[in-house]
N, C-alpha and C. Protein backbone atom coordinates (compact mmCIF):
# COMPACT_ATOMS: atom_id res chain seq x y z
N MET A 1 -15.41 -12.32 -0.82
CA MET A 1 -14.06 -11.59 -0.94
C MET A 1 -13.29 -12.66 -1.36
N ALA A 2 -12.69 -12.19 -2.81
CA ALA A 2 -11.55 -12.81 -3.42
C ALA A 2 -10.05 -12.77 -2.55
N ASN A 3 -9.12 -13.91 -2.93
CA ASN A 3 -7.91 -13.84 -2.26
C ASN A 3 -7.03 -13.29 -3.22
N PRO A 4 -5.98 -12.53 -2.60
CA PRO A 4 -5.01 -11.69 -3.67
C PRO A 4 -3.73 -12.89 -3.77
N THR A 5 -3.95 -13.61 -4.76
CA THR A 5 -3.33 -14.75 -5.22
C THR A 5 -2.24 -14.03 -6.02
N ASN A 6 -2.24 -13.17 -6.55
CA ASN A 6 -1.04 -12.33 -6.98
C ASN A 6 -0.61 -11.71 -6.61
N LYS A 7 1.08 -11.53 -6.49
CA LYS A 7 1.67 -10.84 -5.67
C LYS A 7 2.82 -9.82 -6.65
N LYS A 8 3.47 -8.82 -5.77
CA LYS A 8 4.46 -8.27 -6.47
C LYS A 8 5.48 -9.16 -7.07
N PRO A 9 6.01 -9.38 -8.31
CA PRO A 9 7.54 -9.95 -8.37
C PRO A 9 8.65 -9.53 -7.72
N SER A 10 8.99 -10.75 -7.30
CA SER A 10 10.41 -10.35 -6.30
C SER A 10 11.39 -10.29 -7.04
N ALA A 11 12.42 -9.76 -6.25
CA ALA A 11 13.88 -9.38 -6.63
C ALA A 11 14.30 -10.30 -7.52
N GLY A 12 14.65 -11.77 -6.71
CA GLY A 12 14.56 -12.93 -7.68
C GLY A 12 14.02 -13.03 -9.08
N GLU A 13 12.96 -12.67 -9.00
CA GLU A 13 12.05 -13.12 -10.21
C GLU A 13 12.57 -11.85 -11.61
N ASN A 14 12.61 -10.75 -11.07
CA ASN A 14 13.14 -9.81 -11.65
C ASN A 14 14.36 -9.95 -12.00
N ILE A 15 15.23 -10.45 -11.61
CA ILE A 15 16.94 -10.81 -12.10
C ILE A 15 16.75 -12.07 -12.75
N GLY A 16 15.83 -13.09 -12.77
CA GLY A 16 15.80 -14.06 -13.46
C GLY A 16 15.16 -13.35 -14.88
N PHE A 17 14.30 -12.59 -14.84
CA PHE A 17 13.80 -12.13 -16.21
C PHE A 17 15.19 -11.52 -16.86
N LEU A 18 15.94 -10.60 -15.87
CA LEU A 18 16.95 -9.89 -16.88
C LEU A 18 17.97 -11.00 -17.38
N VAL A 19 18.68 -12.17 -16.62
CA VAL A 19 19.04 -13.06 -16.82
C VAL A 19 18.74 -14.17 -18.26
N MET A 20 17.54 -14.01 -17.94
CA MET A 20 17.44 -14.64 -19.07
C MET A 20 17.32 -13.96 -20.66
N PHE A 21 17.22 -12.63 -20.24
CA PHE A 21 17.24 -11.75 -21.83
C PHE A 21 18.41 -11.70 -22.08
N PHE A 22 19.16 -11.86 -21.05
CA PHE A 22 20.83 -11.65 -21.36
C PHE A 22 21.70 -12.70 -22.09
N PHE A 23 20.79 -14.09 -21.49
CA PHE A 23 21.55 -15.59 -21.94
C PHE A 23 20.88 -15.50 -23.53
N ILE A 24 19.58 -14.90 -23.81
CA ILE A 24 19.20 -14.79 -25.42
C ILE A 24 20.00 -13.93 -26.12
N ALA A 25 20.23 -12.94 -25.15
CA ALA A 25 21.42 -12.01 -26.02
C ALA A 25 22.29 -12.40 -26.78
N GLY A 26 23.17 -13.00 -25.74
CA GLY A 26 24.13 -13.67 -25.31
C GLY A 26 24.43 -14.83 -26.49
N GLY A 27 23.40 -15.26 -26.76
CA GLY A 27 23.29 -16.44 -27.58
C GLY A 27 23.33 -16.11 -29.17
N LEU A 28 22.37 -14.95 -29.24
CA LEU A 28 22.77 -14.26 -30.63
C LEU A 28 24.09 -13.55 -30.74
N TRP A 29 24.52 -13.11 -29.95
CA TRP A 29 25.50 -12.60 -30.18
C TRP A 29 26.55 -13.99 -31.00
N LEU A 30 26.63 -14.54 -30.36
CA LEU A 30 27.46 -15.71 -30.77
C LEU A 30 27.12 -15.79 -32.10
N ALA A 31 26.02 -16.23 -32.73
CA ALA A 31 25.43 -16.30 -33.77
C ALA A 31 25.87 -15.47 -34.57
N ILE A 32 25.99 -13.86 -34.15
CA ILE A 32 26.35 -12.94 -35.47
C ILE A 32 27.70 -12.88 -35.68
N LYS A 33 28.54 -13.41 -34.34
CA LYS A 33 30.02 -13.34 -34.67
C LYS A 33 30.39 -14.23 -35.85
N GLU A 34 29.56 -15.35 -36.07
CA GLU A 34 30.03 -16.22 -36.82
C GLU A 34 29.63 -15.75 -38.19
N PHE A 35 28.93 -14.72 -38.31
CA PHE A 35 28.58 -14.21 -39.67
C PHE A 35 29.60 -13.22 -39.65
N VAL A 36 29.92 -12.57 -39.13
CA VAL A 36 31.40 -11.55 -39.11
C VAL A 36 32.31 -12.19 -40.20
N LEU A 37 32.59 -13.37 -39.96
CA LEU A 37 33.49 -13.97 -40.62
C LEU A 37 33.35 -14.36 -42.02
N VAL A 38 31.80 -14.49 -42.45
CA VAL A 38 31.17 -14.48 -43.82
C VAL A 38 30.99 -13.34 -44.37
N SER A 39 30.56 -11.92 -44.19
CA SER A 39 30.53 -10.96 -44.85
C SER A 39 30.36 -9.63 -43.72
N PRO A 40 31.14 -8.87 -43.39
CA PRO A 40 31.15 -7.80 -42.78
C PRO A 40 29.71 -6.81 -42.46
N GLN A 41 29.23 -6.67 -44.45
CA GLN A 41 27.90 -5.91 -44.46
C GLN A 41 26.76 -6.76 -44.06
N VAL A 42 26.86 -8.19 -44.06
CA VAL A 42 25.75 -8.93 -43.68
C VAL A 42 25.73 -9.10 -42.27
N ALA A 43 27.02 -8.98 -41.12
CA ALA A 43 27.14 -8.97 -39.70
C ALA A 43 26.17 -7.76 -39.60
N ALA A 44 26.87 -6.68 -40.15
CA ALA A 44 26.16 -5.47 -39.66
C ALA A 44 24.93 -4.94 -39.58
N ALA A 45 24.23 -5.61 -40.78
CA ALA A 45 22.54 -5.74 -41.15
C ALA A 45 22.00 -6.22 -40.00
N THR A 46 22.52 -7.81 -39.63
CA THR A 46 22.00 -8.54 -38.82
C THR A 46 22.26 -7.87 -37.56
N VAL A 47 23.34 -7.47 -37.03
CA VAL A 47 23.26 -7.01 -35.54
C VAL A 47 22.37 -5.85 -35.43
N ALA A 48 22.24 -4.70 -36.52
CA ALA A 48 21.22 -3.75 -36.40
C ALA A 48 19.65 -4.09 -35.98
N GLY A 49 19.57 -5.61 -36.92
CA GLY A 49 18.06 -6.16 -37.03
C GLY A 49 18.14 -6.67 -35.75
N THR A 50 19.09 -7.36 -35.28
CA THR A 50 18.87 -8.16 -33.83
C THR A 50 18.40 -7.33 -32.90
N ALA A 51 19.26 -6.19 -32.72
CA ALA A 51 19.45 -5.31 -31.92
C ALA A 51 18.00 -4.67 -31.72
N THR A 52 17.11 -4.28 -32.90
CA THR A 52 15.77 -3.80 -32.80
C THR A 52 15.07 -4.72 -32.42
N VAL A 53 15.11 -5.96 -32.91
CA VAL A 53 13.95 -7.13 -32.27
C VAL A 53 14.14 -7.05 -31.19
N LEU A 54 15.45 -7.39 -30.37
CA LEU A 54 15.33 -7.47 -28.76
C LEU A 54 14.88 -6.49 -27.86
N VAL A 55 15.24 -4.88 -28.41
CA VAL A 55 15.14 -4.17 -27.79
C VAL A 55 13.09 -3.93 -27.70
N SER A 56 12.64 -4.23 -28.94
CA SER A 56 11.48 -4.17 -29.18
C SER A 56 10.67 -5.63 -28.15
N VAL A 57 11.17 -6.48 -28.27
CA VAL A 57 10.46 -7.75 -27.33
C VAL A 57 10.56 -7.43 -26.09
N PHE A 58 12.00 -6.91 -25.47
CA PHE A 58 12.03 -6.49 -24.26
C PHE A 58 10.87 -5.51 -23.73
N SER A 59 10.96 -4.52 -24.59
CA SER A 59 10.12 -3.52 -24.31
C SER A 59 8.79 -3.79 -24.17
N VAL A 60 8.48 -4.69 -25.02
CA VAL A 60 6.78 -5.04 -24.86
C VAL A 60 6.69 -6.05 -23.55
N LEU A 61 7.48 -7.06 -23.66
CA LEU A 61 7.50 -7.83 -22.24
C LEU A 61 7.57 -6.82 -21.00
N TRP A 62 8.52 -5.89 -20.72
CA TRP A 62 8.71 -5.29 -19.74
C TRP A 62 6.92 -4.44 -19.42
N SER A 63 6.82 -4.03 -20.63
CA SER A 63 5.23 -2.97 -20.64
C SER A 63 4.32 -4.05 -20.02
N LYS A 64 4.22 -5.06 -20.47
CA LYS A 64 3.28 -6.03 -20.24
C LYS A 64 3.42 -6.14 -18.58
N ARG A 65 4.31 -6.34 -18.34
CA ARG A 65 4.60 -6.71 -16.73
C ARG A 65 4.33 -5.51 -15.63
N VAL A 66 4.54 -4.57 -16.23
CA VAL A 66 4.45 -3.32 -15.52
C VAL A 66 2.79 -3.15 -15.32
N GLU A 67 2.50 -3.36 -16.69
CA GLU A 67 0.71 -3.10 -16.86
C GLU A 67 -0.07 -4.17 -15.51
N ARG A 68 0.48 -5.41 -15.55
CA ARG A 68 -0.35 -6.33 -15.01
C ARG A 68 0.11 -5.95 -13.48
N GLN A 69 1.16 -5.85 -13.38
CA GLN A 69 1.37 -5.38 -11.78
C GLN A 69 0.57 -3.93 -11.63
N LYS A 70 0.17 -3.03 -12.02
CA LYS A 70 -0.73 -2.00 -11.82
C LYS A 70 -2.20 -2.55 -11.99
N GLU A 71 -2.49 -3.50 -12.86
CA GLU A 71 -4.01 -4.20 -12.50
C GLU A 71 -3.89 -4.78 -11.06
N ILE A 72 -2.86 -5.67 -10.50
CA ILE A 72 -2.80 -6.20 -9.45
C ILE A 72 -2.90 -4.96 -8.22
N GLU A 73 -2.28 -4.08 -8.35
CA GLU A 73 -2.61 -3.09 -7.51
C GLU A 73 -4.11 -2.30 -7.41
N GLN A 74 -4.40 -2.29 -8.66
CA GLN A 74 -5.98 -1.66 -8.49
C GLN A 74 -6.97 -2.48 -8.18
N GLU A 75 -6.78 -3.80 -8.34
CA GLU A 75 -7.70 -4.59 -7.77
C GLU A 75 -7.62 -4.99 -6.19
N GLN A 76 -6.32 -4.77 -5.54
CA GLN A 76 -6.03 -4.82 -4.27
C GLN A 76 -6.68 -3.49 -3.72
N ARG A 77 -6.35 -2.01 -4.20
CA ARG A 77 -6.98 -1.04 -3.83
C ARG A 77 -8.77 -1.53 -3.64
N ARG A 78 -9.37 -1.69 -5.05
CA ARG A 78 -10.39 -1.90 -4.97
C ARG A 78 -11.13 -2.63 -3.68
N GLN A 79 -10.28 -3.95 -3.29
CA GLN A 79 -10.69 -4.61 -2.04
C GLN A 79 -10.72 -3.90 -0.92
N LYS A 80 -9.72 -3.29 -0.68
CA LYS A 80 -9.26 -2.64 0.51
C LYS A 80 -10.27 -1.66 0.91
N ILE A 81 -10.77 -0.72 0.05
CA ILE A 81 -11.31 0.67 0.27
C ILE A 81 -12.63 0.16 1.10
N PRO A 82 -13.54 -0.97 0.67
CA PRO A 82 -14.87 -0.64 1.75
C PRO A 82 -14.53 -1.35 3.06
N VAL A 83 -13.16 -2.09 3.24
CA VAL A 83 -12.62 -2.26 4.83
C VAL A 83 -12.21 -1.09 5.45
N TYR A 84 -11.33 -0.34 4.92
CA TYR A 84 -11.13 1.19 5.35
C TYR A 84 -12.27 2.03 5.86
N GLU A 85 -13.41 2.05 4.65
CA GLU A 85 -14.54 2.82 4.88
C GLU A 85 -15.24 2.54 6.19
N ASP A 86 -15.40 1.08 6.41
CA ASP A 86 -16.31 0.53 7.55
C ASP A 86 -15.52 1.09 8.87
N PHE A 87 -13.51 0.79 8.88
CA PHE A 87 -13.42 0.97 9.90
C PHE A 87 -13.48 2.70 10.07
N ILE A 88 -13.49 3.55 9.22
CA ILE A 88 -13.73 5.03 9.74
C ILE A 88 -14.78 5.32 10.03
N LYS A 89 -16.03 4.73 9.27
CA LYS A 89 -17.65 4.87 10.04
C LYS A 89 -17.22 4.59 11.22
N PHE A 90 -16.71 3.03 11.93
CA PHE A 90 -16.74 2.85 13.26
C PHE A 90 -16.04 4.04 13.82
N ILE A 91 -15.15 4.57 13.25
CA ILE A 91 -14.07 5.71 14.57
C ILE A 91 -15.35 7.06 14.36
N PHE A 92 -15.83 7.04 13.44
CA PHE A 92 -16.78 8.53 13.88
C PHE A 92 -17.76 8.08 14.70
N ARG A 93 -18.35 7.09 14.17
CA ARG A 93 -19.49 6.45 15.31
C ARG A 93 -19.09 6.76 16.58
N LEU A 94 -18.18 6.24 17.03
CA LEU A 94 -17.44 6.05 18.34
C LEU A 94 -17.17 7.40 19.07
N LEU A 95 -16.56 8.26 18.18
CA LEU A 95 -16.45 9.66 18.50
C LEU A 95 -17.68 10.68 18.64
N MET A 96 -18.41 10.45 17.61
CA MET A 96 -19.47 11.58 17.32
C MET A 96 -20.89 11.16 17.98
N ALA A 97 -20.98 9.82 18.25
CA ALA A 97 -22.31 9.39 18.60
C ALA A 97 -23.37 10.21 19.44
N GLU A 98 -22.60 10.78 20.66
CA GLU A 98 -23.24 11.51 21.56
C GLU A 98 -23.72 12.93 21.07
N LYS A 99 -22.84 13.42 20.32
CA LYS A 99 -22.99 14.74 19.45
C LYS A 99 -24.06 14.86 18.40
N LEU A 100 -24.24 13.56 18.06
CA LEU A 100 -25.37 13.42 16.80
C LEU A 100 -26.62 12.79 17.36
N GLY A 101 -26.77 12.49 18.62
CA GLY A 101 -27.76 12.09 19.20
C GLY A 101 -27.96 10.73 18.95
N GLU A 102 -27.02 9.62 18.40
CA GLU A 102 -27.12 8.43 18.20
C GLU A 102 -26.96 7.51 19.34
N PRO A 103 -27.15 6.42 19.55
CA PRO A 103 -27.02 5.38 20.68
C PRO A 103 -25.26 5.27 20.41
N LYS A 104 -24.70 4.95 21.73
CA LYS A 104 -23.45 4.88 21.65
C LYS A 104 -23.25 3.30 21.49
N LEU A 105 -22.39 3.08 21.09
CA LEU A 105 -21.89 1.63 20.48
C LEU A 105 -21.69 0.99 21.85
N THR A 106 -22.04 -0.33 21.81
CA THR A 106 -22.16 -1.12 22.98
C THR A 106 -20.60 -1.77 23.04
N ASP A 107 -20.12 -2.56 24.17
CA ASP A 107 -18.73 -3.26 23.97
C ASP A 107 -18.55 -4.18 23.01
N GLN A 108 -19.94 -5.18 23.24
CA GLN A 108 -20.11 -6.14 21.83
C GLN A 108 -19.82 -5.82 20.60
N GLU A 109 -20.66 -4.51 20.41
CA GLU A 109 -20.49 -3.85 19.04
C GLU A 109 -18.97 -3.56 18.51
N MET A 110 -18.54 -3.12 19.71
CA MET A 110 -16.93 -2.60 19.62
C MET A 110 -16.10 -3.50 19.20
N THR A 111 -15.96 -4.80 20.10
CA THR A 111 -15.31 -5.80 19.99
C THR A 111 -15.63 -6.78 18.60
N ARG A 112 -16.86 -6.58 18.22
CA ARG A 112 -17.04 -7.25 16.82
C ARG A 112 -16.70 -6.36 15.50
N THR A 113 -16.53 -5.38 15.98
CA THR A 113 -16.17 -4.51 14.73
C THR A 113 -14.36 -4.39 14.54
N VAL A 114 -13.73 -4.22 15.67
CA VAL A 114 -12.49 -4.40 15.90
C VAL A 114 -11.90 -5.57 15.38
N ASN A 115 -12.68 -6.49 15.80
CA ASN A 115 -12.13 -8.24 15.37
C ASN A 115 -12.30 -8.31 13.72
N ASP A 116 -13.36 -7.65 13.33
CA ASP A 116 -13.81 -7.96 11.81
C ASP A 116 -12.60 -7.09 10.83
N PHE A 117 -12.40 -5.99 11.63
CA PHE A 117 -11.35 -5.06 10.73
C PHE A 117 -9.72 -5.99 10.99
N ALA A 118 -9.59 -6.30 12.16
CA ALA A 118 -8.38 -7.34 11.88
C ALA A 118 -8.37 -8.36 11.15
N GLN A 119 -9.60 -8.87 11.11
CA GLN A 119 -9.18 -10.18 10.35
C GLN A 119 -9.21 -9.58 8.91
N LYS A 120 -9.81 -8.40 8.61
CA LYS A 120 -9.42 -8.33 6.86
C LYS A 120 -8.24 -7.63 6.78
N ILE A 121 -7.76 -7.04 7.59
CA ILE A 121 -6.50 -6.18 7.05
C ILE A 121 -5.45 -7.32 7.29
N MET A 122 -5.41 -8.43 8.09
CA MET A 122 -4.52 -9.67 7.82
C MET A 122 -4.37 -9.54 6.40
N VAL A 123 -5.64 -9.49 5.41
CA VAL A 123 -5.27 -10.10 4.13
C VAL A 123 -4.95 -8.86 3.27
N TRP A 124 -5.65 -7.88 3.70
CA TRP A 124 -5.80 -6.68 2.59
C TRP A 124 -4.83 -5.49 3.01
N GLY A 125 -4.38 -5.37 4.45
CA GLY A 125 -3.71 -4.13 4.96
C GLY A 125 -2.30 -4.41 4.46
N SER A 126 -1.86 -3.18 4.55
CA SER A 126 -0.10 -2.95 4.16
C SER A 126 0.52 -3.11 5.35
N ASP A 127 1.65 -3.52 5.26
CA ASP A 127 2.82 -3.57 6.34
C ASP A 127 2.34 -2.28 7.59
N ASP A 128 2.28 -1.34 6.98
CA ASP A 128 2.28 -0.13 7.72
C ASP A 128 0.95 0.15 8.32
N VAL A 129 -0.21 -0.17 7.88
CA VAL A 129 -1.38 -0.31 8.09
C VAL A 129 -1.38 -1.26 9.43
N LEU A 130 -0.99 -2.54 9.25
CA LEU A 130 -1.02 -3.31 10.39
C LEU A 130 -0.12 -2.99 11.90
N ARG A 131 1.02 -2.28 11.26
CA ARG A 131 1.88 -1.75 12.78
C ARG A 131 1.19 -0.69 13.35
N LYS A 132 0.47 0.69 12.71
CA LYS A 132 -0.10 1.36 13.01
C LYS A 132 -1.31 1.01 13.75
N TYR A 133 -2.00 0.03 13.21
CA TYR A 133 -3.35 -0.81 13.85
C TYR A 133 -2.91 -1.37 15.34
N ALA A 134 -1.62 -2.25 15.43
CA ALA A 134 -1.34 -2.71 16.55
C ALA A 134 -1.08 -1.48 17.44
N LEU A 135 -0.52 -0.39 17.00
CA LEU A 135 -0.24 0.77 18.11
C LEU A 135 -1.49 0.95 18.64
N PHE A 136 -2.60 1.17 17.54
CA PHE A 136 -3.79 1.51 17.96
C PHE A 136 -4.57 0.58 19.03
N ARG A 137 -4.67 -0.48 18.94
CA ARG A 137 -4.86 -1.52 19.85
C ARG A 137 -4.03 -1.19 21.29
N ARG A 138 -2.86 -1.23 21.10
CA ARG A 138 -2.16 -1.21 22.59
C ARG A 138 -2.38 0.43 23.20
N SER A 139 -2.88 1.23 22.48
CA SER A 139 -3.24 2.37 23.21
C SER A 139 -4.28 2.18 24.02
N GLY A 140 -4.87 1.37 24.00
CA GLY A 140 -6.20 0.87 25.07
C GLY A 140 -7.45 1.84 24.97
N PRO A 141 -8.26 1.55 25.66
CA PRO A 141 -9.36 2.37 25.55
C PRO A 141 -9.60 3.79 26.39
N ALA A 142 -8.65 3.91 27.11
CA ALA A 142 -9.05 5.16 28.21
C ALA A 142 -8.85 6.60 27.19
N GLY A 143 -8.63 6.27 25.96
CA GLY A 143 -8.67 7.93 25.38
C GLY A 143 -7.57 8.71 25.31
N GLY A 144 -7.71 10.00 25.07
CA GLY A 144 -6.83 11.02 25.62
C GLY A 144 -5.58 11.05 24.47
N ALA A 145 -4.53 11.70 24.60
CA ALA A 145 -3.72 12.16 23.29
C ALA A 145 -3.13 11.02 22.58
N GLU A 146 -2.84 9.79 23.55
CA GLU A 146 -2.02 8.74 23.36
C GLU A 146 -2.92 7.96 22.16
N MET A 147 -3.96 7.68 22.82
CA MET A 147 -5.25 7.17 21.63
C MET A 147 -5.53 7.97 20.43
N ALA A 148 -5.78 9.48 20.58
CA ALA A 148 -5.97 10.24 19.49
C ALA A 148 -4.69 10.24 18.16
N ALA A 149 -3.44 9.98 18.92
CA ALA A 149 -2.44 9.91 18.04
C ALA A 149 -2.11 8.79 17.44
N ALA A 150 -2.66 7.37 18.26
CA ALA A 150 -2.63 6.59 17.45
C ALA A 150 -3.81 6.37 16.39
N VAL A 151 -4.82 7.09 16.43
CA VAL A 151 -6.26 6.76 15.67
C VAL A 151 -5.55 7.40 14.58
N GLU A 152 -5.08 8.90 14.63
CA GLU A 152 -4.62 9.65 13.17
C GLU A 152 -3.56 9.04 12.78
N SER A 153 -2.53 8.15 13.23
CA SER A 153 -1.41 7.77 12.64
C SER A 153 -1.97 6.50 11.55
N LEU A 154 -3.08 5.83 12.17
CA LEU A 154 -3.55 4.68 11.72
C LEU A 154 -4.23 5.63 10.45
N LEU A 155 -4.87 6.51 10.52
CA LEU A 155 -5.77 7.14 9.60
C LEU A 155 -4.81 7.56 8.25
N TYR A 156 -3.68 8.21 8.54
CA TYR A 156 -2.42 8.16 7.73
C TYR A 156 -1.92 7.21 6.86
N ALA A 157 -2.10 5.67 7.46
CA ALA A 157 -1.49 4.91 7.04
C ALA A 157 -2.81 4.42 6.09
N ILE A 158 -3.84 4.37 6.37
CA ILE A 158 -4.74 3.83 5.60
C ILE A 158 -5.02 4.83 4.17
N ARG A 159 -4.55 6.44 4.57
CA ARG A 159 -4.84 6.79 3.42
C ARG A 159 -3.59 6.92 2.34
N ALA A 160 -2.68 6.45 3.16
CA ALA A 160 -1.20 6.13 2.18
C ALA A 160 -1.50 5.03 1.40
N ASP A 161 -1.88 3.83 1.81
CA ASP A 161 -2.46 2.45 1.54
C ASP A 161 -3.29 2.31 0.19
N ILE A 162 -4.05 3.36 0.35
CA ILE A 162 -5.03 3.34 -0.84
C ILE A 162 -4.46 4.48 -1.84
N GLY A 163 -3.24 5.08 -1.73
CA GLY A 163 -2.85 5.98 -2.96
C GLY A 163 -2.65 7.29 -2.73
N HIS A 164 -3.13 7.85 -1.41
CA HIS A 164 -2.81 9.35 -1.30
C HIS A 164 -1.22 9.39 -0.33
N GLU A 165 -1.15 10.89 -1.02
CA GLU A 165 0.26 11.04 -0.76
C GLU A 165 0.33 11.61 1.02
N ASN A 166 -0.58 12.07 1.44
CA ASN A 166 -0.41 12.80 2.66
C ASN A 166 0.78 13.69 2.77
N LYS A 167 1.16 14.44 1.50
CA LYS A 167 2.31 15.51 1.58
C LYS A 167 2.62 16.51 2.38
N ASN A 168 1.23 17.52 2.60
CA ASN A 168 1.41 18.33 3.20
C ASN A 168 0.52 18.33 4.62
N LEU A 169 0.08 17.34 5.05
CA LEU A 169 -0.52 17.15 6.01
C LEU A 169 0.52 16.97 7.23
N LYS A 170 -0.03 17.65 8.37
CA LYS A 170 0.88 17.65 9.75
C LYS A 170 0.10 17.27 10.99
N THR A 171 0.68 16.65 11.96
CA THR A 171 0.09 16.07 13.16
C THR A 171 -1.27 17.20 13.42
N GLY A 172 -2.11 16.11 13.94
CA GLY A 172 -3.41 17.13 14.19
C GLY A 172 -4.46 17.43 13.15
N GLU A 173 -4.06 17.39 12.03
CA GLU A 173 -4.93 17.67 10.75
C GLU A 173 -5.52 16.99 10.64
N LEU A 174 -5.65 15.30 10.32
CA LEU A 174 -6.71 14.56 10.26
C LEU A 174 -7.87 14.77 11.74
N LEU A 175 -7.09 14.53 12.63
CA LEU A 175 -7.84 14.58 14.04
C LEU A 175 -8.73 15.94 13.89
N SER A 176 -8.24 17.01 13.35
CA SER A 176 -9.44 18.16 13.07
C SER A 176 -10.37 18.25 12.34
N VAL A 177 -10.45 17.13 11.71
CA VAL A 177 -11.49 16.63 11.17
C VAL A 177 -12.86 16.50 11.75
N PHE A 178 -12.31 15.50 12.98
CA PHE A 178 -13.74 15.31 13.92
C PHE A 178 -13.46 15.92 15.19
N ILE A 179 -12.24 16.30 15.63
CA ILE A 179 -12.27 17.21 17.05
C ILE A 179 -11.97 18.96 16.43
N ASN A 180 -13.13 19.48 17.25
CA ASN A 180 -12.98 21.29 16.80
C ASN A 180 -11.57 21.66 17.27
N ASP A 181 -11.36 21.57 18.36
CA ASP A 181 -10.02 22.10 19.03
C ASP A 181 -8.94 21.12 19.33
N THR A 182 -8.23 20.91 18.21
CA THR A 182 -7.49 19.79 18.19
C THR A 182 -6.23 20.22 19.42
N GLU A 183 -5.87 21.25 18.98
CA GLU A 183 -4.42 21.55 19.84
C GLU A 183 -4.90 21.68 21.44
N GLY A 184 -5.96 22.04 21.74
CA GLY A 184 -6.66 22.36 23.05
C GLY A 184 -6.86 20.84 23.40
N PHE A 185 -7.39 20.08 22.82
CA PHE A 185 -7.64 18.67 23.20
C PHE A 185 -6.19 17.95 23.57
N LEU A 186 -5.22 17.88 22.50
CA LEU A 186 -4.11 17.42 22.86
C LEU A 186 -3.14 17.66 24.15
N ALA A 187 -3.25 19.40 24.26
CA ALA A 187 -2.76 19.53 25.45
C ALA A 187 -3.48 19.10 26.70
N GLU A 188 -4.79 19.31 26.62
CA GLU A 188 -5.53 18.60 27.80
C GLU A 188 -5.46 17.28 28.18
N SER A 189 -5.48 16.48 27.40
CA SER A 189 -4.84 14.98 27.46
C SER A 189 -3.54 15.01 27.99
N GLU A 190 -2.77 15.75 27.43
CA GLU A 190 -1.56 15.68 27.80
C GLU A 190 -1.26 15.89 29.42
N THR A 191 -1.90 17.08 29.79
CA THR A 191 -1.94 17.57 31.01
C THR A 191 -2.58 16.47 32.23
N GLN A 192 -3.47 15.70 31.96
CA GLN A 192 -4.35 14.68 32.57
C GLN A 192 -3.26 13.32 32.53
N SER A 193 -2.69 13.20 31.52
CA SER A 193 -1.90 12.10 31.50
C SER A 193 -0.88 12.12 32.49
N ARG A 194 -0.34 13.55 32.68
CA ARG A 194 0.73 13.61 33.77
C ARG A 194 0.56 13.78 35.07
N ALA A 195 -0.80 14.13 35.19
CA ALA A 195 -1.41 14.07 36.77
C ALA A 195 -1.88 12.89 37.16
N SER A 196 -2.08 12.05 36.12
CA SER A 196 -2.44 10.37 36.71
C SER A 196 -1.26 9.69 36.74
C-alpha cells in the first residue's frame, strides 16, 4: 500500500502563492509606470498586454494546482475504499452470521480485524472517521443502542469520507439496512440499559 506523501496545500502555501503573484505584478507595474513617462499609448498597450498575460498565467497555475489536488483526493479515495469495504463486511458478518448460518467470529478474528482496521485508518481515515471509530471502540462489546448508534455514526463518517453527502439520511436509516425493526431495537435497547 502506498503512503500518501502528498498533502493538501496549507494556508501558508496558498498565501505564499498569492504573495509571489502580487510581487511579480508589482514589479511589472513599476516597469509599466516608467513607460508612462515615455508614451501614454505605449503604456496603455503594455498595461493591457501585461494584465492579460498575468491573468492567463495565474489562471493556468491555479487550475493546475486545483487539478493536482483533485488527483491526490481521488488516489486517496481509491486507497480508502478497500479498507472501508473490509470493515463493513466485518460488521455485517458480526451482525448477520447467525441468521445466515455462518460460524460466529472468534474473539481472535474480531481482535485481528479491529486492529487491522485501526492501523489502516491511522493512515487513510479522515479525522471524523478516526473520531467515530474511537467512539465505536468505547461503546464496548455489550451491544445495544449505544453500540448501534456508534456503528451507524461510524458508517456515516465512512460514507462522507469517500464522497457521499448523506444529505437526506436520518438517524436509524443506515441501521435499518441490516436491522429489520430499527425503532423497536433502539427502544428495547434503551429500556434494557435503563433497567441495568
